[in-house]
Amino acid sequence: RSTSFSDKEKIGRNELCFCGSQKKYKH
């Protein structure tokens, strides 16, 4: 996805990871 590393701070642990892996951020 086009999400950047700086968007990480806006992502909750149960949301999709900022890297675009389609995994939850916590995983």
PDB file of all heavy atoms in Angstrom:
ATOM      1  N   ARG A   1       0.865  -1.169   0.000  1.00  0.00           N
ATOM      2  CA  ARG A   1       0.000   0.000   0.000  1.00  0.00           C
ATOM      3  C   ARG A   1       0.897   1.211   0.000  1.00  0.00           C
ATOM      4  O   ARG A   1       2.090   1.121   0.218  1.00  0.00           O
ATOM      5  CB  ARG A   1      -0.892   0.021   1.248  1.00  0.00           C
ATOM      6  CG  ARG A   1      -1.839  -1.141   1.333  1.00  0.00           C
ATOM      7  CD  ARG A   1      -2.700  -1.042   2.542  1.00  0.00           C
ATOM      8  NE  ARG A   1      -1.994  -0.390   3.636  1.00  0.00           N
ATOM      9  CZ  ARG A   1      -2.460  -0.244   4.848  1.00  0.00           C
ATOM     10  NH1 ARG A   1      -3.620  -0.696   5.152  1.00  0.00           N
ATOM     11  NH2 ARG A   1      -1.766   0.351   5.785  1.00  0.00           N
ATOM     12  N   SER A   2       0.336   2.356  -0.159  1.00  0.00           N
ATOM     13  CA  SER A   2       1.137   3.585  -0.218  1.00  0.00           C
ATOM     14  C   SER A   2       1.388   4.176   1.163  1.00  0.00           C
ATOM     15  O   SER A   2       1.863   5.288   1.275  1.00  0.00           O
ATOM     16  CB  SER A   2       0.447   4.617  -1.114  1.00  0.00           C
ATOM     17  OG  SER A   2      -0.819   4.935  -0.592  1.00  0.00           O
ATOM     18  N   THR A   3       1.084   3.457   2.210  1.00  0.00           N
ATOM     19  CA  THR A   3       1.288   3.952   3.559  1.00  0.00           C
ATOM     20  C   THR A   3       2.778   4.053   3.870  1.00  0.00           C
ATOM     21  O   THR A   3       3.538   3.165   3.557  1.00  0.00           O
ATOM     22  CB  THR A   3       0.639   2.996   4.581  1.00  0.00           C
ATOM     23  OG1 THR A   3      -0.697   2.751   4.170  1.00  0.00           O
ATOM     24  CG2 THR A   3       0.649   3.587   5.966  1.00  0.00           C
ATOM     25  N   SER A   4       3.189   5.131   4.488  1.00  0.00           N
ATOM     26  CA  SER A   4       4.602   5.343   4.788  1.00  0.00           C
ATOM     27  C   SER A   4       4.923   4.949   6.230  1.00  0.00           C
ATOM     28  O   SER A   4       4.033   4.765   7.050  1.00  0.00           O
ATOM     29  CB  SER A   4       4.970   6.811   4.573  1.00  0.00           C
ATOM     30  OG  SER A   4       4.366   7.613   5.557  1.00  0.00           O
ATOM     31  N   PHE A   5       6.221   4.870   6.530  1.00  0.00           N
ATOM     32  CA  PHE A   5       6.660   4.544   7.884  1.00  0.00           C
ATOM     33  C   PHE A   5       6.187   5.590   8.881  1.00  0.00           C
ATOM     34  O   PHE A   5       5.900   5.285  10.017  1.00  0.00           O
ATOM     35  CB  PHE A   5       8.187   4.443   7.945  1.00  0.00           C
ATOM     36  CG  PHE A   5       8.710   3.160   7.400  1.00  0.00           C
ATOM     37  CD1 PHE A   5       9.265   3.105   6.140  1.00  0.00           C
ATOM     38  CD2 PHE A   5       8.637   2.008   8.139  1.00  0.00           C
ATOM     39  CE1 PHE A   5       9.742   1.920   5.635  1.00  0.00           C
ATOM     40  CE2 PHE A   5       9.113   0.815   7.645  1.00  0.00           C
ATOM     41  CZ  PHE A   5       9.668   0.773   6.391  1.00  0.00           C
ATOM     42  N   SER A   6       6.101   6.853   8.468  1.00  0.00           N
ATOM     43  CA  SER A   6       5.695   7.901   9.404  1.00  0.00           C
ATOM     44  C   SER A   6       4.230   7.759   9.801  1.00  0.00           C
ATOM     45  O   SER A   6       3.809   8.314  10.808  1.00  0.00           O
ATOM     46  CB  SER A   6       5.949   9.285   8.811  1.00  0.00           C
ATOM     47  OG  SER A   6       5.198   9.440   7.633  1.00  0.00           O
ATOM     48  N   ASP A   7       3.428   6.997   9.027  1.00  0.00           N
ATOM     49  CA  ASP A   7       2.030   6.784   9.376  1.00  0.00           C
ATOM     50  C   ASP A   7       1.866   5.747  10.485  1.00  0.00           C
ATOM     51  O   ASP A   7       0.777   5.556  11.000  1.00  0.00           O
ATOM     52  CB  ASP A   7       1.236   6.315   8.153  1.00  0.00           C
ATOM     53  CG  ASP A   7       1.086   7.402   7.118  1.00  0.00           C
ATOM     54  OD1 ASP A   7       1.160   8.581   7.495  1.00  0.00           O
ATOM     55  OD2 ASP A   7       0.916   7.072   5.933  1.00  0.00           O
ATOM     56  N   LYS A   8       2.940   5.070  10.867  1.00  0.00           N
ATOM     57  CA  LYS A   8       2.884   4.031  11.885  1.00  0.00           C
ATOM     58  C   LYS A   8       2.278   4.522  13.186  1.00  0.00           C
ATOM     59  O   LYS A   8       1.501   3.832  13.819  1.00  0.00           O
ATOM     60  CB  LYS A   8       4.287   3.472  12.139  1.00  0.00           C
ATOM     61  CG  LYS A   8       4.347   2.483  13.263  1.00  0.00           C
ATOM     62  CD  LYS A   8       5.784   2.185  13.581  1.00  0.00           C
ATOM     63  CE  LYS A   8       5.963   1.690  14.958  1.00  0.00           C
ATOM     64  NZ  LYS A   8       5.596   2.551  16.028  1.00  0.00           N
ATOM     65  N   GLU A   9       2.615   5.746  13.565  1.00  0.00           N
ATOM     66  CA  GLU A   9       2.137   6.278  14.841  1.00  0.00           C
ATOM     67  C   GLU A   9       0.618   6.414  14.894  1.00  0.00           C
ATOM     68  O   GLU A   9       0.039   6.491  15.954  1.00  0.00           O
ATOM     69  CB  GLU A   9       2.811   7.616  15.130  1.00  0.00           C
ATOM     70  CG  GLU A   9       2.509   8.665  14.101  1.00  0.00           C
ATOM     71  CD  GLU A   9       3.495   9.805  14.137  1.00  0.00           C
ATOM     72  OE1 GLU A   9       4.698   9.570  14.038  1.00  0.00           O
ATOM     73  OE2 GLU A   9       3.036  10.938  14.274  1.00  0.00           O
ATOM     74  N   LYS A  10      -0.047   6.409  13.737  1.00  0.00           N
ATOM     75  CA  LYS A  10      -1.494   6.567  13.679  1.00  0.00           C
ATOM     76  C   LYS A  10      -2.223   5.231  13.682  1.00  0.00           C
ATOM     77  O   LYS A  10      -3.433   5.183  13.679  1.00  0.00           O
ATOM     78  CB  LYS A  10      -1.876   7.334  12.410  1.00  0.00           C
ATOM     79  CG  LYS A  10      -1.233   8.691  12.296  1.00  0.00           C
ATOM     80  CD  LYS A  10      -1.514   9.285  10.936  1.00  0.00           C
ATOM     81  CE  LYS A  10      -0.662  10.514  10.723  1.00  0.00           C
ATOM     82  NZ  LYS A  10      -0.636  10.931   9.337  1.00  0.00           N
ATOM     83  N   ILE A  11      -1.499   4.143  13.651  1.00  0.00           N
ATOM     84  CA  ILE A  11      -2.099   2.824  13.490  1.00  0.00           C
ATOM     85  C   ILE A  11      -2.223   2.115  14.832  1.00  0.00           C
ATOM     86  O   ILE A  11      -1.258   2.027  15.587  1.00  0.00           O
ATOM     87  CB  ILE A  11      -1.260   1.976  12.504  1.00  0.00           C
ATOM     88  CG1 ILE A  11      -1.293   2.634  11.129  1.00  0.00           C
ATOM     89  CG2 ILE A  11      -1.776   0.551  12.435  1.00  0.00           C
ATOM     90  CD1 ILE A  11      -0.428   1.946  10.107  1.00  0.00           C
ATOM     91  N   GLY A  12      -3.404   1.608  15.102  1.00  0.00           N
ATOM     92  CA  GLY A  12      -3.629   0.830  16.312  1.00  0.00           C
ATOM     93  C   GLY A  12      -3.138  -0.593  16.140  1.00  0.00           C
ATOM     94  O   GLY A  12      -3.007  -1.076  15.009  1.00  0.00           O
ATOM     95  N   ARG A  13      -2.886  -1.272  17.232  1.00  0.00           N
ATOM     96  CA  ARG A  13      -2.309  -2.610  17.173  1.00  0.00           C
ATOM     97  C   ARG A  13      -3.170  -3.617  16.414  1.00  0.00           C
ATOM     98  O   ARG A  13      -2.668  -4.574  15.862  1.00  0.00           O
ATOM     99  CB  ARG A  13      -1.966  -3.122  18.567  1.00  0.00           C
ATOM    100  CG  ARG A  13      -3.125  -3.146  19.539  1.00  0.00           C
ATOM    101  CD  ARG A  13      -2.715  -3.575  20.948  1.00  0.00           C
ATOM    102  NE  ARG A  13      -2.726  -5.028  21.041  1.00  0.00           N
ATOM    103  CZ  ARG A  13      -1.666  -5.773  21.314  1.00  0.00           C
ATOM    104  NH1 ARG A  13      -0.519  -5.226  21.548  1.00  0.00           N
ATOM    105  NH2 ARG A  13      -1.756  -7.076  21.367  1.00  0.00           N
ATOM    106  N   ASN A  14      -4.496  -3.420  16.374  1.00  0.00           N
ATOM    107  CA  ASN A  14      -5.376  -4.354  15.681  1.00  0.00           C
ATOM    108  C   ASN A  14      -5.731  -3.920  14.263  1.00  0.00           C
ATOM    109  O   ASN A  14      -6.512  -4.587  13.595  1.00  0.00           O
ATOM    110  CB  ASN A  14      -6.653  -4.569  16.496  1.00  0.00           C
ATOM    111  CG  ASN A  14      -6.373  -5.408  17.719  1.00  0.00           C
ATOM    112  OD1 ASN A  14      -5.736  -6.452  17.624  1.00  0.00           O
ATOM    113  ND2 ASN A  14      -6.816  -4.957  18.870  1.00  0.00           N
ATOM    114  N   GLU A  15      -5.151  -2.815  13.808  1.00  0.00           N
ATOM    115  CA  GLU A  15      -5.381  -2.364  12.437  1.00  0.00           C
ATOM    116  C   GLU A  15      -4.354  -2.994  11.512  1.00  0.00           C
ATOM    117  O   GLU A  15      -3.349  -3.547  11.965  1.00  0.00           O
ATOM    118  CB  GLU A  15      -5.272  -0.844  12.366  1.00  0.00           C
ATOM    119  CG  GLU A  15      -6.375  -0.136  13.130  1.00  0.00           C
ATOM    120  CD  GLU A  15      -6.225   1.367  13.064  1.00  0.00           C
ATOM    121  OE1 GLU A  15      -5.926   1.892  11.979  1.00  0.00           O
ATOM    122  OE2 GLU A  15      -6.382   2.012  14.108  1.00  0.00           O
ATOM    123  N   LEU A  16      -4.608  -2.897  10.201  1.00  0.00           N
ATOM    124  CA  LEU A  16      -3.654  -3.415   9.232  1.00  0.00           C
ATOM    125  C   LEU A  16      -2.338  -2.656   9.355  1.00  0.00           C
ATOM    126  O   LEU A  16      -2.325  -1.450   9.581  1.00  0.00           O
ATOM    127  CB  LEU A  16      -4.188  -3.284   7.812  1.00  0.00           C
ATOM    128  CG  LEU A  16      -5.359  -4.193   7.454  1.00  0.00           C
ATOM    129  CD1 LEU A  16      -5.784  -3.942   6.009  1.00  0.00           C
ATOM    130  CD2 LEU A  16      -4.995  -5.654   7.640  1.00  0.00           C
ATOM    131  N   CYS A  17      -1.247  -3.384   9.207  1.00  0.00           N
ATOM    132  CA  CYS A  17       0.084  -2.800   9.357  1.00  0.00           C
ATOM    133  C   CYS A  17       0.339  -1.736   8.296  1.00  0.00           C
ATOM    134  O   CYS A  17      -0.120  -1.849   7.153  1.00  0.00           O
ATOM    135  CB  CYS A  17       1.146  -3.895   9.270  1.00  0.00           C
ATOM    136  SG  CYS A  17       2.789  -3.299   9.678  1.00  0.00           S
ATOM    137  N   PHE A  18       1.121  -0.730   8.663  1.00  0.00           N
ATOM    138  CA  PHE A  18       1.472   0.374   7.767  1.00  0.00           C
ATOM    139  C   PHE A  18       2.313  -0.057   6.578  1.00  0.00           C
ATOM    140  O   PHE A  18       2.396   0.632   5.577  1.00  0.00           O
ATOM    141  CB  PHE A  18       2.225   1.468   8.534  1.00  0.00           C
ATOM    142  CG  PHE A  18       3.591   1.051   9.014  1.00  0.00           C
ATOM    143  CD1 PHE A  18       4.717   1.319   8.265  1.00  0.00           C
ATOM    144  CD2 PHE A  18       3.734   0.382  10.226  1.00  0.00           C
ATOM    145  CE1 PHE A  18       5.967   0.928   8.708  1.00  0.00           C
ATOM    146  CE2 PHE A  18       4.980  -0.002  10.668  1.00  0.00           C
ATOM    147  CZ  PHE A  18       6.108   0.267   9.909  1.00  0.00           C
ATOM    148  N   CYS A  19       2.944  -1.220   6.647  1.00  0.00           N
ATOM    149  CA  CYS A  19       3.863  -1.662   5.592  1.00  0.00           C
ATOM    150  C   CYS A  19       3.144  -2.241   4.386  1.00  0.00           C
ATOM    151  O   CYS A  19       3.753  -2.425   3.341  1.00  0.00           O
ATOM    152  CB  CYS A  19       4.831  -2.687   6.148  1.00  0.00           C
ATOM    153  SG  CYS A  19       4.022  -4.260   6.512  1.00  0.00           S
ATOM    154  N   GLY A  20       1.867  -2.548   4.529  1.00  0.00           N
ATOM    155  CA  GLY A  20       1.132  -3.098   3.402  1.00  0.00           C
ATOM    156  C   GLY A  20       1.085  -4.615   3.351  1.00  0.00           C
ATOM    157  O   GLY A  20       0.656  -5.196   2.361  1.00  0.00           O
ATOM    158  N   SER A  21       1.506  -5.282   4.394  1.00  0.00           N
ATOM    159  CA  SER A  21       1.542  -6.750   4.406  1.00  0.00           C
ATOM    160  C   SER A  21       0.155  -7.382   4.501  1.00  0.00           C
ATOM    161  O   SER A  21       0.008  -8.575   4.316  1.00  0.00           O
ATOM    162  CB  SER A  21       2.386  -7.232   5.579  1.00  0.00           C
ATOM    163  OG  SER A  21       1.739  -6.916   6.805  1.00  0.00           O
ATOM    164  N   GLN A  22      -0.858  -6.599   4.832  1.00  0.00           N
ATOM    165  CA  GLN A  22      -2.228  -7.047   5.062  1.00  0.00           C
ATOM    166  C   GLN A  22      -2.368  -7.861   6.344  1.00  0.00           C
ATOM    167  O   GLN A  22      -3.361  -8.524   6.565  1.00  0.00           O
ATOM    168  CB  GLN A  22      -2.770  -7.837   3.859  1.00  0.00           C
ATOM    169  CG  GLN A  22      -2.835  -7.014   2.582  1.00  0.00           C
ATOM    170  CD  GLN A  22      -3.714  -5.783   2.718  1.00  0.00           C
ATOM    171  OE1 GLN A  22      -4.837  -5.868   3.176  1.00  0.00           O
ATOM    172  NE2 GLN A  22      -3.180  -4.633   2.353  1.00  0.00           N
ATOM    173  N   LYS A  23      -1.359  -7.804   7.215  1.00  0.00           N
ATOM    174  CA  LYS A  23      -1.427  -8.416   8.536  1.00  0.00           C
ATOM    175  C   LYS A  23      -1.784  -7.326   9.536  1.00  0.00           C
ATOM    176  O   LYS A  23      -1.556  -6.143   9.296  1.00  0.00           O
ATOM    177  CB  LYS A  23      -0.068  -9.010   8.933  1.00  0.00           C
ATOM    178  CG  LYS A  23       0.416 -10.116   8.040  1.00  0.00           C
ATOM    179  CD  LYS A  23       1.776 -10.584   8.501  1.00  0.00           C
ATOM    180  CE  LYS A  23       2.360 -11.595   7.556  1.00  0.00           C
ATOM    181  NZ  LYS A  23       3.717 -11.993   7.951  1.00  0.00           N
ATOM    182  N   LYS A  24      -2.300  -7.748  10.683  1.00  0.00           N
ATOM    183  CA  LYS A  24      -2.516  -6.778  11.753  1.00  0.00           C
ATOM    184  C   LYS A  24      -1.152  -6.264  12.222  1.00  0.00           C
ATOM    185  O   LYS A  24      -0.174  -7.016  12.246  1.00  0.00           O
ATOM    186  CB  LYS A  24      -3.261  -7.412  12.930  1.00  0.00           C
ATOM    187  CG  LYS A  24      -4.718  -7.663  12.654  1.00  0.00           C
ATOM    188  CD  LYS A  24      -5.424  -8.177  13.897  1.00  0.00           C
ATOM    189  CE  LYS A  24      -6.892  -8.389  13.619  1.00  0.00           C
ATOM    190  NZ  LYS A  24      -7.602  -8.829  14.820  1.00  0.00           N
ATOM    191  N   TYR A  25      -1.126  -5.002  12.590  1.00  0.00           N
ATOM    192  CA  TYR A  25       0.117  -4.367  13.030  1.00  0.00           C
ATOM    193  C   TYR A  25       0.782  -5.165  14.144  1.00  0.00           C
ATOM    194  O   TYR A  25       1.994  -5.370  14.129  1.00  0.00           O
ATOM    195  CB  TYR A  25      -0.180  -2.933  13.473  1.00  0.00           C
ATOM    196  CG  TYR A  25       0.989  -2.194  14.025  1.00  0.00           C
ATOM    197  CD1 TYR A  25       2.140  -1.995  13.255  1.00  0.00           C
ATOM    198  CD2 TYR A  25       0.964  -1.674  15.310  1.00  0.00           C
ATOM    199  CE1 TYR A  25       3.228  -1.299  13.752  1.00  0.00           C
ATOM    200  CE2 TYR A  25       2.046  -0.973  15.815  1.00  0.00           C
ATOM    201  CZ  TYR A  25       3.176  -0.784  15.040  1.00  0.00           C
ATOM    202  OH  TYR A  25       4.246  -0.106  15.535  1.00  0.00           O
ATOM    203  N   LYS A  26      -0.002  -5.690  15.104  1.00  0.00           N
ATOM    204  CA  LYS A  26       0.574  -6.428  16.237  1.00  0.00           C
ATOM    205  C   LYS A  26       1.247  -7.733  15.801  1.00  0.00           C
ATOM    206  O   LYS A  26       2.088  -8.255  16.498  1.00  0.00           O
ATOM    207  CB  LYS A  26      -0.485  -6.698  17.310  1.00  0.00           C
ATOM    208  CG  LYS A  26      -1.599  -7.643  16.884  1.00  0.00           C
ATOM    209  CD  LYS A  26      -2.621  -7.797  17.989  1.00  0.00           C
ATOM    210  CE  LYS A  26      -3.767  -8.690  17.573  1.00  0.00           C
ATOM    211  NZ  LYS A  26      -4.793  -8.759  18.624  1.00  0.00           N
ATOM    212  N   HIS A  27       0.879  -8.261  14.637  1.00  0.00           N
ATOM    213  CA  HIS A  27       1.476  -9.493  14.124  1.00  0.00           C
ATOM    214  C   HIS A  27       2.532  -9.227  13.057  1.00  0.00           C
ATOM    215  O   HIS A  27       3.020 -10.153  12.418  1.00  0.00           O
ATOM    216  CB  HIS A  27       0.403 -10.411  13.527  1.00  0.00           C
ATOM    217  CG  HIS A  27      -0.593 -10.898  14.524  1.00  0.00           C
ATOM    218  ND1 HIS A  27      -0.244 -11.688  15.613  1.00  0.00           N
ATOM    219  CD2 HIS A  27      -1.915 -10.674  14.631  1.00  0.00           C
ATOM    220  CE1 HIS A  27      -1.322 -11.937  16.316  1.00  0.00           C
ATOM    221  NE2 HIS A  27      -2.359 -11.334  15.753  1.00  0.00           N
TER     222      HIS A  27
END
